[in-house]
C-alpha atoms as a PDB file:
ATOM      1  CA  MET A   1      24.002  -3.252 -36.673  1.00  0.00           C
ATOM      2  CA  ALA A   2      27.074  -1.123 -36.054  1.00  0.00           C
ATOM      3  CA  LEU A   3      26.751   1.771 -33.750  1.00  0.00           C
ATOM      4  CA  PRO A   4      27.523   5.260 -35.105  1.00  0.00           C
ATOM      5  CA  THR A   5      30.890   6.656 -34.175  1.00  0.00           C
ATOM      6  CA  GLY A   6      30.798   8.710 -30.973  1.00  0.00           C
ATOM      7  CA  PHE A   7      27.927   6.762 -29.351  1.00  0.00           C
ATOM      8  CA  LYS A   8      27.671   4.255 -26.662  1.00  0.00           C
ATOM      9  CA  HIS A   9      24.879   1.632 -26.653  1.00  0.00           C
ATOM     10  CA  PHE A  10      23.293   0.190 -23.520  1.00  0.00           C
ATOM     11  CA  ASP A  11      21.301  -2.954 -23.781  1.00  0.00           C
ATOM     12  CA  LEU A  12      18.362  -2.412 -21.151  1.00  0.00           C
ATOM     13  CA  THR A  13      17.433  -6.052 -21.292  1.00  0.00           C
ATOM     14  CA  GLU A  14      20.628  -6.934 -19.874  1.00  0.00           C
ATOM     15  CA  LEU A  15      21.040  -4.324 -17.181  1.00  0.00           C
ATOM     16  CA  PRO A  16      19.714  -4.177 -13.731  1.00  0.00           C
ATOM     17  CA  ASN A  17      16.785  -1.956 -12.643  1.00  0.00           C
ATOM     18  CA  SER A  18      19.071   0.402 -10.842  1.00  0.00           C
ATOM     19  CA  ALA A  19      21.103   0.904 -14.122  1.00  0.00           C
ATOM     20  CA  ARG A  20      18.123   1.354 -16.247  1.00  0.00           C
ATOM     21  CA  TYR A  21      16.579   3.926 -13.813  1.00  0.00           C
ATOM     22  CA  LYS A  22      19.811   6.021 -13.809  1.00  0.00           C
ATOM     23  CA  LEU A  23      20.143   5.961 -17.565  1.00  0.00           C
ATOM     24  CA  LEU A  24      16.550   6.784 -18.312  1.00  0.00           C
ATOM     25  CA  THR A  25      15.877   9.341 -15.642  1.00  0.00           C
ATOM     26  CA  ALA A  26      19.177  11.163 -16.705  1.00  0.00           C
ATOM     27  CA  THR A  27      18.171  11.349 -20.381  1.00  0.00           C
ATOM     28  CA  VAL A  28      14.333  11.628 -20.601  1.00  0.00           C
ATOM     29  CA  VAL A  29      14.089  15.141 -19.363  1.00  0.00           C
ATOM     30  CA  PRO A  30      12.494  17.361 -18.293  1.00  0.00           C
ATOM     31  CA  ARG A  31       9.679  15.286 -16.845  1.00  0.00           C
ATOM     32  CA  PRO A  32       6.562  16.944 -15.306  1.00  0.00           C
ATOM     33  CA  ILE A  33       5.743  16.159 -11.663  1.00  0.00           C
ATOM     34  CA  ALA A  34       2.567  14.660 -10.782  1.00  0.00           C
ATOM     35  CA  TRP A  35       1.827  15.346  -7.007  1.00  0.00           C
ATOM     36  CA  VAL A  36      -0.855  12.851  -6.526  1.00  0.00           C
ATOM     37  CA  CYS A  37      -3.414  13.079  -3.893  1.00  0.00           C
ATOM     38  CA  THR A  38      -5.593   9.987  -3.022  1.00  0.00           C
ATOM     39  CA  ARG A  39      -7.756   8.872  -0.124  1.00  0.00           C
ATOM     40  CA  GLY A  40      -7.287   5.606   1.659  1.00  0.00           C
ATOM     41  CA  ALA A  41      -9.990   3.314   2.809  1.00  0.00           C
ATOM     42  CA  ASP A  42      -9.886   4.975   6.285  1.00  0.00           C
ATOM     43  CA  GLY A  43     -10.481   8.389   4.739  1.00  0.00           C
ATOM     44  CA  VAL A  44      -6.901   9.512   5.265  1.00  0.00           C
ATOM     45  CA  PRO A  45      -5.389  11.514   2.441  1.00  0.00           C
ATOM     46  CA  ASN A  46      -2.136  10.552   0.891  1.00  0.00           C
ATOM     47  CA  LEU A  47       0.105  12.982  -1.067  1.00  0.00           C
ATOM     48  CA  ALA A  48       3.213  11.723  -3.217  1.00  0.00           C
ATOM     49  CA  PRO A  49       5.172  12.959  -6.159  1.00  0.00           C
ATOM     50  CA  TYR A  50       5.851  10.948  -9.336  1.00  0.00           C
ATOM     51  CA  SER A  51       7.838  12.054 -12.296  1.00  0.00           C
ATOM     52  CA  PHE A  52       7.035   9.003 -14.451  1.00  0.00           C
ATOM     53  CA  PHE A  53       3.976  10.990 -15.552  1.00  0.00           C
ATOM     54  CA  GLY A  54       2.481  12.355 -18.691  1.00  0.00           C
ATOM     55  CA  LEU A  55      -0.469  13.675 -20.557  1.00  0.00           C
ATOM     56  CA  MET A  56      -1.665  11.063 -23.060  1.00  0.00           C
ATOM     57  CA  GLY A  57      -4.332  12.879 -25.012  1.00  0.00           C
ATOM     58  CA  SER A  58      -7.225  15.289 -24.823  1.00  0.00           C
ATOM     59  CA  ASP A  59     -10.184  13.467 -26.495  1.00  0.00           C
ATOM     60  CA  PRO A  60     -10.870  12.303 -23.682  1.00  0.00           C
ATOM     61  CA  PRO A  61      -8.087  13.782 -21.729  1.00  0.00           C
ATOM     62  CA  ILE A  62      -5.987  11.208 -20.146  1.00  0.00           C
ATOM     63  CA  VAL A  63      -3.028  11.144 -17.777  1.00  0.00           C
ATOM     64  CA  ALA A  64      -0.631   8.252 -16.978  1.00  0.00           C
ATOM     65  CA  PHE A  65       1.759   7.947 -14.023  1.00  0.00           C
ATOM     66  CA  ALA A  66       3.543   4.997 -12.456  1.00  0.00           C
ATOM     67  CA  PRO A  67       3.339   4.590  -8.644  1.00  0.00           C
ATOM     68  CA  GLY A  68       6.003   2.042  -7.766  1.00  0.00           C
ATOM     69  CA  ASN A  69       6.461  -0.227  -4.819  1.00  0.00           C
ATOM     70  CA  ARG A  70       8.267   0.197  -1.385  1.00  0.00           C
ATOM     71  CA  ALA A  71      11.714  -1.350  -0.848  1.00  0.00           C
ATOM     72  CA  ASP A  72      10.108  -4.428   0.471  1.00  0.00           C
ATOM     73  CA  GLY A  73       8.133  -4.981  -2.731  1.00  0.00           C
ATOM     74  CA  THR A  74       4.699  -4.009  -1.260  1.00  0.00           C
ATOM     75  CA  PRO A  75       2.664  -1.216  -3.177  1.00  0.00           C
ATOM     76  CA  LYS A  76       3.052   2.275  -2.067  1.00  0.00           C
ATOM     77  CA  ASP A  77      -0.037   4.059  -0.550  1.00  0.00           C
ATOM     78  CA  THR A  78      -0.878   5.854  -3.701  1.00  0.00           C
ATOM     79  CA  ALA A  79      -1.201   2.378  -5.647  1.00  0.00           C
ATOM     80  CA  LEU A  80      -3.230   0.913  -2.768  1.00  0.00           C
ATOM     81  CA  ASN A  81      -5.538   3.968  -2.846  1.00  0.00           C
ATOM     82  CA  ILE A  82      -6.612   3.728  -6.477  1.00  0.00           C
ATOM     83  CA  PRO A  83      -8.693   0.660  -7.057  1.00  0.00           C
ATOM     84  CA  SER A  84     -10.723   0.454 -10.186  1.00  0.00           C
ATOM     85  CA  GLY A  85     -12.784   3.596 -10.950  1.00  0.00           C
ATOM     86  CA  SER A  86     -11.513   5.539  -7.947  1.00  0.00           C
ATOM     87  CA  GLU A  87     -10.772   9.380  -7.840  1.00  0.00           C
ATOM     88  CA  PHE A  88      -7.536  11.220  -7.573  1.00  0.00           C
ATOM     89  CA  SER A  89      -6.080  14.747  -8.033  1.00  0.00           C
ATOM     90  CA  VAL A  90      -2.953  15.594  -9.825  1.00  0.00           C
ATOM     91  CA  ASN A  91      -1.411  18.755  -8.448  1.00  0.00           C
ATOM     92  CA  LEU A  92       1.246  20.344 -10.483  1.00  0.00           C
ATOM     93  CA  VAL A  93       4.306  21.749  -8.741  1.00  0.00           C
ATOM     94  CA  SER A  94       5.418  25.389  -8.796  1.00  0.00           C
ATOM     95  CA  ALA A  95       9.016  26.446  -7.725  1.00  0.00           C
ATOM     96  CA  ALA A  96       7.593  27.721  -4.553  1.00  0.00           C
ATOM     97  CA  LEU A  97       6.304  24.275  -3.667  1.00  0.00           C
ATOM     98  CA  ALA A  98       9.429  22.292  -4.646  1.00  0.00           C
ATOM     99  CA  GLN A  99      10.789  21.770  -1.216  1.00  0.00           C
ATOM    100  CA  VAL A 100       7.573  20.497   0.384  1.00  0.00           C
ATOM    101  CA  MET A 101       6.851  18.451  -2.598  1.00  0.00           C
ATOM    102  CA  SER A 102      10.233  16.684  -2.221  1.00  0.00           C
ATOM    103  CA  ASP A 103       9.436  16.279   1.508  1.00  0.00           C
ATOM    104  CA  THR A 104       6.357  14.173   0.632  1.00  0.00           C
ATOM    105  CA  ALA A 105       8.536  11.686  -1.098  1.00  0.00           C
ATOM    106  CA  THR A 106       9.784  10.590   2.382  1.00  0.00           C
ATOM    107  CA  ASP A 107       8.841   6.962   2.978  1.00  0.00           C
ATOM    108  CA  PHE A 108       6.190   7.732   5.839  1.00  0.00           C
ATOM    109  CA  PRO A 109       4.696   4.672   7.374  1.00  0.00           C
ATOM    110  CA  HIS A 110       1.418   3.327   5.696  1.00  0.00           C
ATOM    111  CA  GLY A 111      -1.645   5.449   6.725  1.00  0.00           C
ATOM    112  CA  MET A 112       0.233   8.421   7.882  1.00  0.00           C
ATOM    113  CA  ALA A 113      -1.065  11.537   6.288  1.00  0.00           C
ATOM    114  CA  GLU A 114       1.763  13.729   4.755  1.00  0.00           C
ATOM    115  CA  THR A 115      -0.471  16.760   4.540  1.00  0.00           C
ATOM    116  CA  THR A 116      -0.858  16.803   8.178  1.00  0.00           C
ATOM    117  CA  LYS A 117       2.764  15.978   9.198  1.00  0.00           C
ATOM    118  CA  LEU A 118       4.060  18.579   6.613  1.00  0.00           C
ATOM    119  CA  ASP A 119       1.313  21.147   7.245  1.00  0.00           C
ATOM    120  CA  ILE A 120       0.180  21.134   3.623  1.00  0.00           C
ATOM    121  CA  GLN A 121      -3.022  23.070   3.256  1.00  0.00           C
ATOM    122  CA  MET A 122      -5.657  21.212   1.310  1.00  0.00           C
ATOM    123  CA  GLU A 123      -9.102  22.068   0.076  1.00  0.00           C
ATOM    124  CA  PRO A 124     -11.915  20.149  -1.298  1.00  0.00           C
ATOM    125  CA  GLY A 125     -12.127  19.133  -4.876  1.00  0.00           C
ATOM    126  CA  VAL A 126     -14.776  20.514  -7.363  1.00  0.00           C
ATOM    127  CA  ARG A 127     -15.738  17.323  -9.265  1.00  0.00           C
ATOM    128  CA  ILE A 128     -14.345  14.615  -7.107  1.00  0.00           C
ATOM    129  CA  ALA A 129     -14.226  13.856  -3.369  1.00  0.00           C
ATOM    130  CA  VAL A 130     -10.466  13.728  -3.148  1.00  0.00           C
ATOM    131  CA  PRO A 131      -8.826  17.173  -2.027  1.00  0.00           C
ATOM    132  CA  ARG A 132      -6.444  19.240  -3.864  1.00  0.00           C
ATOM    133  CA  VAL A 133      -3.258  21.184  -2.680  1.00  0.00           C
ATOM    134  CA  GLN A 134      -4.490  24.536  -1.973  1.00  0.00           C
ATOM    135  CA  ALA A 135      -1.108  26.256  -3.079  1.00  0.00           C
ATOM    136  CA  SER A 136      -0.928  24.394  -6.370  1.00  0.00           C
ATOM    137  CA  PRO A 137      -1.273  26.597  -9.506  1.00  0.00           C
ATOM    138  CA  VAL A 138      -2.903  23.715 -11.363  1.00  0.00           C
ATOM    139  CA  THR A 139      -4.852  20.714 -10.295  1.00  0.00           C
ATOM    140  CA  LEU A 140      -6.258  17.958 -12.596  1.00  0.00           C
ATOM    141  CA  GLU A 141      -9.179  16.048 -11.165  1.00  0.00           C
ATOM    142  CA  CYS A 142      -9.181  12.568 -12.367  1.00  0.00           C
ATOM    143  CA  VAL A 143     -10.955   9.023 -12.268  1.00  0.00           C
ATOM    144  CA  GLU A 144      -8.984   5.865 -12.892  1.00  0.00           C
ATOM    145  CA  VAL A 145     -10.008   4.189 -15.973  1.00  0.00           C
ATOM    146  CA  GLN A 146      -7.413   1.341 -16.202  1.00  0.00           C
ATOM    147  CA  THR A 147      -4.327   0.204 -14.283  1.00  0.00           C
ATOM    148  CA  ILE A 148      -1.738  -1.727 -16.332  1.00  0.00           C
ATOM    149  CA  GLN A 149       0.865  -4.138 -14.861  1.00  0.00           C
ATOM    150  CA  ILE A 150       3.849  -4.856 -16.861  1.00  0.00           C
ATOM    151  CA  GLY A 151       6.491  -6.672 -14.786  1.00  0.00           C
ATOM    152  CA  ASN A 152       7.150  -4.474 -11.769  1.00  0.00           C
ATOM    153  CA  THR A 153       5.892  -1.370 -13.601  1.00  0.00           C
ATOM    154  CA  ARG A 154       2.374  -0.291 -12.673  1.00  0.00           C
ATOM    155  CA  ILE A 155       0.777   2.397 -14.952  1.00  0.00           C
ATOM    156  CA  VAL A 156      -2.420   4.171 -13.698  1.00  0.00           C
ATOM    157  CA  LEU A 157      -4.523   5.801 -16.468  1.00  0.00           C
ATOM    158  CA  GLY A 158      -6.787   8.479 -15.444  1.00  0.00           C
ATOM    159  CA  ARG A 159      -9.504  10.331 -17.236  1.00  0.00           C
ATOM    160  CA  VAL A 160      -9.254  14.061 -16.510  1.00  0.00           C
ATOM    161  CA  ILE A 161     -12.832  15.469 -15.648  1.00  0.00           C
ATOM    162  CA  GLY A 162     -11.815  18.780 -14.135  1.00  0.00           C
ATOM    163  CA  LEU A 163      -9.082  21.308 -14.315  1.00  0.00           C
ATOM    164  CA  SER A 164      -8.472  24.104 -11.630  1.00  0.00           C
ATOM    165  CA  LEU A 165      -6.224  26.843 -12.676  1.00  0.00           C
ATOM    166  CA  ARG A 166      -4.849  29.899 -10.797  1.00  0.00           C
ATOM    167  CA  ALA A 167      -7.015  32.793 -12.064  1.00  0.00           C
ATOM    168  CA  ASP A 168      -4.151  35.164 -12.682  1.00  0.00           C
ATOM    169  CA  ALA A 169      -2.678  32.741 -15.272  1.00  0.00           C
ATOM    170  CA  VAL A 170      -5.947  32.799 -17.285  1.00  0.00           C
ATOM    171  CA  LEU A 171      -5.337  35.396 -19.972  1.00  0.00           C
ATOM    172  CA  ASP A 172      -8.696  34.913 -21.817  1.00  0.00           C
ATOM    173  CA  GLU A 173     -11.206  32.746 -20.176  1.00  0.00           C
ATOM    174  CA  GLU A 174     -13.474  32.468 -23.448  1.00  0.00           C
ATOM    175  CA  LYS A 175     -10.565  31.566 -25.708  1.00  0.00           C
ATOM    176  CA  HIS A 176      -8.993  29.384 -23.099  1.00  0.00           C
ATOM    177  CA  TYR A 177      -5.535  31.182 -23.306  1.00  0.00           C
ATOM    178  CA  VAL A 178      -3.235  30.553 -20.437  1.00  0.00           C
ATOM    179  CA  ASP A 179       0.001  32.344 -19.401  1.00  0.00           C
ATOM    180  CA  THR A 180       2.151  29.095 -18.832  1.00  0.00           C
ATOM    181  CA  ALA A 181       5.160  30.996 -17.689  1.00  0.00           C
ATOM    182  CA  ALA A 182       3.332  32.551 -14.835  1.00  0.00           C
ATOM    183  CA  LEU A 183       2.429  29.006 -13.359  1.00  0.00           C
ATOM    184  CA  ASP A 184       6.342  28.794 -12.637  1.00  0.00           C
ATOM    185  CA  LEU A 185       6.239  24.901 -12.747  1.00  0.00           C
ATOM    186  CA  ILE A 186       9.140  22.708 -12.348  1.00  0.00           C
ATOM    187  CA  GLY A 187      10.243  19.500 -13.895  1.00  0.00           C
ATOM    188  CA  ARG A 188      12.375  16.593 -12.868  1.00  0.00           C
ATOM    189  CA  MET A 189      15.872  16.076 -14.148  1.00  0.00           C
ATOM    190  CA  GLY A 190      18.414  13.450 -13.699  1.00  0.00           C
ATOM    191  CA  GLY A 191      20.112  12.478 -10.237  1.00  0.00           C
ATOM    192  CA  ARG A 192      18.602  12.265  -6.800  1.00  0.00           C
ATOM    193  CA  GLY A 193      17.774  15.989  -6.568  1.00  0.00           C
ATOM    194  CA  GLY A 194      17.802  17.509 -10.005  1.00  0.00           C
ATOM    195  CA  TYR A 195      14.978  19.701 -11.074  1.00  0.00           C
ATOM    196  CA  THR A 196      14.416  22.459 -13.654  1.00  0.00           C
ATOM    197  CA  ARG A 197      12.192  25.553 -14.198  1.00  0.00           C
ATOM    198  CA  THR A 198      10.049  26.177 -17.118  1.00  0.00           C
ATOM    199  CA  HIS A 199      10.959  29.812 -17.680  1.00  0.00           C
ATOM    200  CA  ASP A 200      13.451  29.274 -20.523  1.00  0.00           C
ATOM    201  CA  GLY A 201      11.187  28.582 -23.235  1.00  0.00           C
ATOM    202  CA  PHE A 202      11.179  29.355 -26.904  1.00  0.00           C
ATOM    203  CA  GLU A 203       8.680  28.987 -29.847  1.00  0.00           C
ATOM    204  CA  ILE A 204       9.014  27.529 -33.226  1.00  0.00           C
ATOM    205  CA  GLU A 205       6.394  28.053 -35.866  1.00  0.00           C
ATOM    206  CA  ARG A 206       5.062  24.897 -37.409  1.00  0.00           C
ATOM    207  CA  MET A 207       4.949  24.888 -41.296  1.00  0.00           C
ATOM    208  CA  THR A 208       2.108  23.642 -43.300  1.00  0.00           C
ATOM    209  CA  TYR A 209       2.907  21.445 -46.274  1.00  0.00           C
ATOM    210  CA  ALA A 210       2.223  24.227 -48.657  1.00  0.00           C
ATOM    211  CA  GLN A 211       4.685  26.503 -46.799  1.00  0.00           C
ATOM    212  CA  TRP A 212       7.252  23.814 -46.964  1.00  0.00           C
ATOM    213  CA  GLN A 213       6.875  23.378 -50.730  1.00  0.00           C
ATOM    214  CA  GLU A 214       7.175  27.124 -51.082  1.00  0.00           C
ATOM    215  CA  GLN A 215      10.302  27.172 -49.122  1.00  0.00           C
ATOM    216  CA  GLU A 216      11.778  24.373 -51.119  1.00  0.00           C
ATOM    217  CA  SER A 217      10.920  26.110 -54.442  1.00  0.00           C
ATOM    218  CA  SER A 218      12.536  29.270 -53.100  1.00  0.00           C
ATOM    219  CA  GLU A 219      15.803  27.417 -52.316  1.00  0.00           C
ATOM    220  CA  ASP A 220      16.070  25.646 -55.718  1.00  0.00           C
END
């Protein structure tokens, strides 16, 4: 099939991973950041950020993220620390936490606690034994339900069993209204250091089919 004028097509089945990564991370934006805390077999917490991350549903609430491998092909600590049915916390990242979050992406040796080296204050989870980042405005407490391996891509699926939310962002607790802008969350863009804030939002009212029909009739 011919490509429309003005477009370039890239065959991702023919390109090396480095090229696929550059193209996809530069175009699938913004991506939320999962700052994932796990606990190793020795009890040492591990904290690392992942932007291959998303919310997959709400009934039940499921998150998915993709912890990769080290340069030598061995799994990163996050993947090692999430065996079947284990717990982990997903801490969302505000602009104030951007630098220290990026620092935790440093390739620290296996078993070294980023939280201690970078002086990141942690506090106990509510429903799970894994701690949360104290300063994070939102934490999802999760239990692994399935890990899928497709080639070198590892996808962890976690059921969210608890949500800790900074109180000043809760507009109405009974109606569960949240001031999203107050959380000042950031997302990942393309390039090695590209990020974006979430303040520049806008709203679009969704039409019902009846409203669409009425609009169509008025335009005839």
